[in-house]
Protein backbone atom coordinates (compact mmCIF):
# COMPACT_ATOMS: atom_id res chain seq x y z
CA MET A 1 -13.12 16.44 6.89
CA ALA A 2 -12.49 17.09 10.55
CA GLY A 3 -14.15 18.54 13.59
CA THR A 4 -13.36 22.08 14.68
CA VAL A 5 -12.65 23.38 18.18
CA VAL A 6 -12.97 27.05 19.04
CA VAL A 7 -11.99 28.52 22.42
CA SER A 8 -13.10 31.97 23.57
CA LEU A 9 -12.33 33.84 26.77
CA ASP A 10 -14.11 36.67 28.58
CA PHE A 11 -11.11 38.74 29.68
CA GLU A 12 -12.70 40.97 32.31
CA LEU A 13 -11.16 40.31 35.77
CA GLY A 14 -13.01 42.50 38.31
CA TRP A 15 -15.24 44.22 35.75
CA GLY A 16 -17.35 41.13 35.16
CA HIS A 17 -18.89 40.88 38.63
CA ARG A 18 -18.38 44.28 40.20
CA GLN A 19 -22.16 44.84 40.44
CA SER A 20 -23.76 41.42 40.02
CA ARG A 21 -21.48 39.36 42.29
CA PRO A 22 -19.29 41.53 44.52
CA ALA A 23 -18.52 38.53 46.74
CA TYR A 24 -16.87 36.84 43.74
CA VAL A 25 -14.81 39.94 43.06
CA ASN A 26 -13.61 39.65 46.66
CA ARG A 27 -12.49 36.10 45.90
CA ILE A 28 -10.42 37.41 42.99
CA ARG A 29 -9.10 40.12 45.32
CA ASP A 30 -8.02 37.43 47.79
CA GLN A 31 -5.84 35.95 45.03
CA GLU A 32 -4.59 39.30 43.72
CA HIS A 33 -0.97 38.35 44.37
CA GLU A 34 -1.44 35.37 42.00
CA ILE A 35 -3.09 37.22 39.10
CA GLU A 36 0.02 37.67 36.98
CA SER A 37 1.56 34.24 37.61
CA ARG A 38 -1.64 32.26 37.03
CA PHE A 39 -2.58 34.31 34.00
CA GLU A 40 0.89 33.72 32.59
CA THR A 41 0.53 29.99 33.23
CA LEU A 42 -2.78 30.03 31.35
CA VAL A 43 -1.21 31.84 28.39
CA ASP A 44 1.73 29.41 28.48
CA THR A 45 -0.72 26.50 28.37
CA PHE A 46 -2.23 27.85 25.15
CA GLU A 47 1.27 28.36 23.76
CA ARG A 48 2.59 24.94 24.78
CA HIS A 49 -0.32 23.21 23.04
CA ASN A 50 -0.41 25.72 20.16
CA ILE A 51 -4.09 26.49 20.73
CA ALA A 52 -5.26 29.81 19.31
CA ALA A 53 -8.25 31.44 21.01
CA THR A 54 -10.51 34.47 20.80
CA TRP A 55 -9.84 36.76 23.76
CA GLY A 56 -12.74 39.16 24.30
CA VAL A 57 -11.21 42.09 26.20
CA VAL A 58 -13.00 44.64 28.39
CA GLY A 59 -11.64 47.98 27.24
CA LYS A 60 -11.35 49.50 30.70
CA LEU A 61 -8.81 46.83 31.65
CA LEU A 62 -6.38 48.63 29.34
CA GLU A 63 -6.65 52.01 31.07
CA ASP A 64 -4.16 53.19 33.66
CA SER A 65 -5.00 52.46 37.29
CA ASP A 66 -3.26 51.14 40.38
CA ASP A 67 -5.86 48.40 40.86
CA ALA A 68 -4.80 45.16 39.16
CA LEU A 69 -8.38 43.86 39.16
CA TYR A 70 -9.58 46.72 37.00
CA SER A 71 -6.50 47.76 35.03
CA ASN A 72 -3.94 45.29 33.76
CA PRO A 73 -2.81 46.11 30.21
CA SER A 74 0.39 44.07 30.60
CA LEU A 75 -1.72 40.91 30.57
CA LEU A 76 -3.01 41.67 27.08
CA THR A 77 0.58 42.19 25.97
CA LYS A 78 1.40 38.67 27.19
CA VAL A 79 -1.41 37.29 25.00
CA VAL A 80 -0.43 39.30 21.93
CA GLU A 81 3.24 38.36 22.24
CA SER A 82 2.60 34.65 22.79
CA GLU A 83 3.19 32.15 19.99
CA PRO A 84 -0.32 31.04 18.85
CA ASP A 85 -2.10 33.37 16.44
CA HIS A 86 -4.70 34.52 18.95
CA GLU A 87 -7.59 36.72 17.95
CA ILE A 88 -8.28 39.76 20.13
CA GLY A 89 -11.97 40.60 20.26
CA LEU A 90 -14.03 43.05 22.29
CA HIS A 91 -15.98 42.26 25.45
CA SER A 92 -17.39 45.81 25.63
CA TYR A 93 -15.73 48.87 27.12
CA ALA A 94 -17.17 48.86 30.66
CA HIS A 95 -18.92 45.45 30.93
CA THR A 96 -22.38 46.93 31.39
CA PRO A 97 -25.01 44.47 30.10
CA PHE A 98 -26.17 45.73 26.73
CA ASP A 99 -29.83 45.15 27.53
CA GLU A 100 -29.43 47.84 30.21
CA LEU A 101 -28.09 50.40 27.72
CA SER A 102 -29.92 52.73 25.38
CA PRO A 103 -28.88 52.61 21.71
CA ALA A 104 -26.81 55.77 22.23
CA GLU A 105 -25.12 54.33 25.33
CA ALA A 106 -24.35 51.06 23.52
CA ARG A 107 -22.85 53.02 20.62
CA ASP A 108 -20.71 55.02 23.06
CA ASP A 109 -19.51 51.80 24.71
CA LEU A 110 -18.56 50.23 21.38
CA THR A 111 -16.83 53.43 20.27
CA ALA A 112 -14.73 53.59 23.45
CA GLY A 113 -13.91 49.88 23.39
CA LYS A 114 -12.81 49.93 19.76
CA ALA A 115 -10.76 53.10 20.32
CA ILE A 116 -8.75 51.72 23.22
CA LEU A 117 -8.04 48.43 21.41
CA SER A 118 -6.85 50.44 18.42
CA GLU A 119 -4.09 51.83 20.65
CA TYR A 120 -2.77 48.26 20.75
CA GLY A 121 -3.03 47.85 17.00
CA VAL A 122 -6.17 45.72 17.31
CA LYS A 123 -9.29 46.04 15.17
CA PRO A 124 -11.74 43.70 16.91
CA GLN A 125 -13.97 41.61 14.67
CA SER A 126 -15.47 39.33 17.33
CA PHE A 127 -17.68 40.50 20.18
CA ILE A 128 -18.68 38.87 23.47
CA PHE A 129 -21.63 40.50 25.17
CA PRO A 130 -21.29 41.33 28.89
CA GLN A 131 -23.00 38.56 30.87
CA ASN A 132 -23.89 37.04 27.47
CA ARG A 133 -26.95 39.31 27.34
CA VAL A 134 -27.42 39.99 23.63
CA ASP A 135 -28.86 43.34 22.52
CA HIS A 136 -28.31 46.19 20.03
CA LEU A 137 -27.24 43.77 17.30
CA ASP A 138 -27.92 46.41 14.68
CA LEU A 139 -24.86 48.35 15.89
CA LEU A 140 -22.21 45.64 15.57
CA SER A 141 -21.53 45.80 11.82
CA GLU A 142 -21.10 49.57 12.13
CA PHE A 143 -18.00 48.85 14.25
CA GLY A 144 -16.49 46.17 12.01
CA ILE A 145 -17.76 43.24 14.08
CA THR A 146 -18.28 40.08 12.02
CA CYS A 147 -19.51 37.72 14.75
CA TYR A 148 -20.58 37.52 18.38
CA ARG A 149 -20.89 34.69 20.87
CA ASP A 150 -24.56 33.88 21.13
CA GLY A 151 -25.15 32.36 24.54
CA VAL A 152 -23.03 29.91 26.45
CA GLY A 153 -24.23 26.48 25.33
CA THR A 154 -27.28 24.40 26.07
CA ASP A 155 -26.47 20.96 27.42
CA ARG A 156 -28.45 18.07 25.96
CA LEU A 157 -29.45 15.08 28.01
CA LEU A 158 -28.94 11.60 26.64
CA PRO A 159 -32.12 9.48 26.72
CA GLY A 160 -32.26 6.60 29.14
CA PRO A 161 -31.63 6.19 32.86
CA ALA A 162 -28.03 7.47 32.73
CA THR A 163 -28.41 11.19 32.05
CA LYS A 164 -25.07 12.50 30.84
CA LEU A 165 -24.48 16.07 29.73
CA ILE A 166 -23.09 16.53 26.25
CA PRO A 167 -21.82 19.85 24.87
CA PRO A 168 -23.59 20.38 21.53
CA THR A 169 -21.93 21.04 18.22
CA VAL A 170 -22.81 24.50 16.96
CA LYS A 171 -23.14 26.36 13.68
CA PRO A 172 -22.72 30.12 13.25
CA THR A 173 -25.53 31.80 11.33
CA LYS A 174 -25.67 35.29 9.86
CA ASP A 175 -28.51 37.70 10.57
CA GLU A 176 -29.91 40.35 8.24
CA THR A 177 -27.03 42.71 9.12
CA GLY A 178 -24.44 40.15 7.98
CA VAL A 179 -23.08 39.61 11.50
CA ALA A 180 -22.84 35.96 12.57
CA ALA A 181 -24.23 34.57 15.81
CA PHE A 182 -21.69 32.03 17.08
CA PRO A 183 -23.22 29.81 19.80
CA GLY A 184 -21.18 28.47 22.68
CA SER A 185 -21.03 24.76 23.54
CA MET A 186 -19.53 24.49 27.02
CA PHE A 187 -18.22 26.58 29.89
CA LEU A 188 -14.90 24.91 30.66
CA ALA A 189 -14.78 26.06 34.29
CA GLU A 190 -18.16 25.12 35.77
CA SER A 191 -17.45 25.34 39.50
CA HIS A 192 -20.22 22.91 40.45
CA LEU A 193 -18.57 20.09 38.49
CA PRO A 194 -15.41 18.28 39.61
CA PRO A 195 -12.37 18.57 37.30
CA GLN A 196 -12.58 14.95 36.16
CA LEU A 197 -16.18 15.45 35.03
CA LEU A 198 -15.29 18.67 33.21
CA ARG A 199 -12.50 16.85 31.37
CA TRP A 200 -14.82 13.99 30.46
CA LYS A 201 -17.58 16.32 29.34
CA ALA A 202 -15.27 18.36 27.10
CA LYS A 203 -13.83 15.23 25.50
CA ILE A 204 -17.32 13.91 24.76
CA GLY A 205 -18.13 17.20 23.04
CA LEU A 206 -14.93 17.02 21.00
CA GLN A 207 -15.70 13.43 19.99
CA LEU A 208 -19.15 14.55 18.87
CA ALA A 209 -17.60 17.31 16.75
CA ILE A 210 -15.30 14.74 15.14
CA ARG A 211 -18.17 12.37 14.33
CA ARG A 212 -20.27 15.17 12.87
CA ASN A 213 -17.46 17.19 11.27
CA GLY A 214 -18.96 19.92 13.41
CA ILE A 215 -17.81 22.76 15.64
CA VAL A 216 -17.50 22.67 19.41
CA HIS A 217 -17.05 26.05 21.12
CA LEU A 218 -15.46 26.00 24.58
CA TRP A 219 -15.17 29.12 26.71
CA LEU A 220 -13.96 30.38 30.09
CA HIS A 221 -12.68 33.46 31.93
CA PRO A 222 -9.02 34.03 32.83
CA HIS A 223 -10.16 34.82 36.36
CA ASN A 224 -11.48 31.26 36.66
CA VAL A 225 -7.92 29.98 36.90
CA ILE A 226 -7.05 32.72 39.38
CA VAL A 227 -9.83 31.76 41.81
CA HIS A 228 -9.82 28.03 40.96
CA PRO A 229 -6.27 27.03 39.92
CA GLU A 230 -7.43 23.43 39.42
CA VAL A 231 -9.12 24.67 36.22
CA LEU A 232 -5.63 24.87 34.72
CA SER A 233 -5.35 21.09 34.90
CA VAL A 234 -8.69 20.79 33.09
CA VAL A 235 -7.52 23.13 30.33
CA ASP A 236 -4.19 21.33 30.02
CA HIS A 237 -5.88 17.92 29.81
CA VAL A 238 -8.45 19.04 27.23
CA PHE A 239 -5.79 20.76 25.11
CA SER A 240 -3.66 17.59 25.21
CA TYR A 241 -6.64 15.65 23.88
CA ILE A 242 -7.22 18.25 21.16
CA ASN A 243 -3.61 17.90 20.04
CA GLU A 244 -3.85 14.11 20.05
CA LYS A 245 -6.84 14.27 17.70
CA ARG A 246 -5.29 17.09 15.68
CA SER A 247 -2.21 14.94 15.03
CA GLU A 248 -4.58 12.25 13.71
CA GLY A 249 -6.18 14.76 11.34
CA LEU A 250 -9.50 14.58 13.18
CA LEU A 251 -9.63 18.07 14.71
CA VAL A 252 -8.64 21.56 13.67
CA ASN A 253 -8.38 24.63 15.90
CA GLU A 254 -9.79 27.98 14.77
CA THR A 255 -10.77 31.30 16.31
CA MET A 256 -14.27 32.75 16.12
CA ASN A 257 -13.49 35.10 13.25
CA SER A 258 -11.40 32.57 11.31
CA VAL A 259 -14.43 30.24 11.30
CA ILE A 260 -16.57 33.04 9.89
CA ASN A 261 -13.99 33.64 7.15
CA SER A 262 -13.42 29.98 6.27
CA HIS A 263 -16.93 28.50 6.43
CA THR A 264 -19.98 29.08 4.26
CA LEU A 265 -22.71 30.44 6.53
CA SER A 266 -26.44 30.62 5.97
């Protein structure tokens, strides 16, 4: 038995904050000249450590436009052509929170998102809700979705005077539609935490997964490494630790959908 580590990414660039946090979009814009190089470094980091991930893609990023923050299909090509067996999931078509959409609007969004990914030979089976706001679950199975990320992780506090945050182990569970809710454990790019604390926190979560033969689910956005390049060092350090434990037979790496296919869920 071994622990399992899953990594998922919200691949959205400017779409993620265009309405909710325009100032953050401006920060991405300030680094626009670094988008391709830093994204490529991130993809290379996954490849160098042979870590496969679930990349939830906003469909509109794959449409033609002159604005690299809102249209950048070449970046998906870099992911698909890289060495690890990444899973390409859907992060909606237009990144409108699903709790702001009517059932008909949500269906239209899923239809458009699935259609544009199909042009790249992708049939998404994992879904990441925009802003992690879960709604219209009854529609997912209609579009071939087997699982969705359910939230972003709830940190637990250790008892005693030294309160230390620990990413929880998680367990996907299926609802009445047969689609699995796959909780998150930890956001790997929390800007309010220094890199050394992020590295420590992730390693503690991985150690917990090993002890429990459980699953730890790490996640981030590609734009995190564009705005905060120091996040790359966190990812590299955590992936090195994963490989150390993988070589000892204590950890395995899976994608969201591969967990759903390989584990017995309740």
